[in-house]
Amino acid sequence: MRAVFGVLGLLIALAIVAVLAKKQLGALNTPTPAGVTALPAGATPQQQSQQIQKQIGQTVESTLQQARPMPDDK
């Protein structure tokens, strides 16, 4: 009886992990946000890498240009 509960517990834990993994993998298939250009299909890995680096650099620059909100002094 104890072994049955042990196996049942393992199956429940496995089912929970499988559901969470499925949700995480489903989140990877999100569409690209606006402002991110799609990479050309025939691009070499070097060109793809350079395009990604350029996009990240532009994102960082635009983030740095935004004003930070000042905290309210109490």
Protein backbone atom coordinates (compact mmCIF):
# COMPACT_ATOMS: atom_id res chain seq x y z
CA MET A 1 0.00 0.00 0.00
CA ARG A 2 2.85 2.33 0.83
CA ALA A 3 4.51 1.64 -2.55
CA VAL A 4 1.25 2.43 -4.37
CA PHE A 5 1.06 5.85 -2.70
CA GLY A 6 4.72 6.47 -3.52
CA VAL A 7 4.22 5.68 -7.20
CA LEU A 8 1.00 7.70 -7.27
CA GLY A 9 2.82 10.69 -5.76
CA LEU A 10 5.57 10.43 -8.35
CA LEU A 11 3.03 10.31 -11.18
CA ILE A 12 1.26 13.39 -9.84
CA ALA A 13 4.57 15.25 -9.55
CA LEU A 14 5.48 14.20 -13.10
CA ALA A 15 2.12 15.45 -14.39
CA ILE A 16 2.63 18.83 -12.71
CA VAL A 17 6.10 19.19 -14.18
CA ALA A 18 4.80 18.22 -17.64
CA VAL A 19 2.03 20.84 -17.50
CA LEU A 20 4.47 23.55 -16.39
CA ALA A 21 6.97 22.59 -19.10
CA LYS A 22 4.22 22.73 -21.72
CA LYS A 23 3.23 26.21 -20.58
CA GLN A 24 6.83 27.42 -20.70
CA LEU A 25 7.40 26.01 -24.17
CA GLY A 26 4.15 27.57 -25.35
CA ALA A 27 5.36 30.96 -24.12
CA LEU A 28 8.37 30.73 -26.46
CA ASN A 29 6.09 30.91 -29.50
CA THR A 30 5.01 34.49 -28.86
CA PRO A 31 4.98 36.87 -31.83
CA THR A 32 7.75 39.41 -32.15
CA PRO A 33 6.95 42.77 -30.54
CA ALA A 34 6.49 45.88 -32.61
CA GLY A 35 9.72 47.55 -33.63
CA VAL A 36 11.66 44.29 -33.88
CA THR A 37 12.43 43.45 -37.46
CA ALA A 38 12.38 39.87 -38.64
CA LEU A 39 15.69 38.36 -39.63
CA PRO A 40 16.12 37.54 -43.32
CA ALA A 41 15.57 33.86 -44.10
CA GLY A 42 18.78 33.47 -46.11
CA ALA A 43 20.99 35.36 -43.68
CA THR A 44 24.18 33.77 -42.44
CA PRO A 45 24.63 33.21 -38.70
CA GLN A 46 27.09 36.11 -38.62
CA GLN A 47 24.55 38.46 -40.23
CA GLN A 48 21.84 37.24 -37.83
CA SER A 49 24.15 37.83 -34.88
CA GLN A 50 25.01 41.33 -36.05
CA GLN A 51 21.33 42.15 -36.56
CA ILE A 52 20.45 40.93 -33.06
CA GLN A 53 23.34 42.92 -31.56
CA LYS A 54 22.15 46.02 -33.40
CA GLN A 55 18.58 45.55 -32.14
CA ILE A 56 19.77 45.07 -28.56
CA GLY A 57 21.97 48.15 -28.80
CA GLN A 58 19.05 50.23 -30.08
CA THR A 59 16.83 48.94 -27.27
CA VAL A 60 19.44 49.77 -24.65
CA GLU A 61 19.95 53.26 -26.10
CA SER A 62 16.25 54.02 -26.14
CA THR A 63 15.90 52.74 -22.58
CA LEU A 64 18.77 54.92 -21.41
CA GLN A 65 17.19 57.98 -23.02
CA GLN A 66 13.98 57.61 -21.00
CA ALA A 67 13.75 59.73 -17.87
CA ARG A 68 13.65 57.90 -14.58
CA PRO A 69 10.75 58.71 -12.28
CA MET A 70 11.84 60.55 -9.18
CA PRO A 71 10.75 59.08 -5.84
CA ASP A 72 8.45 61.17 -3.69
CA ASP A 73 10.16 62.35 -0.51
CA LYS A 74 7.97 61.97 2.53
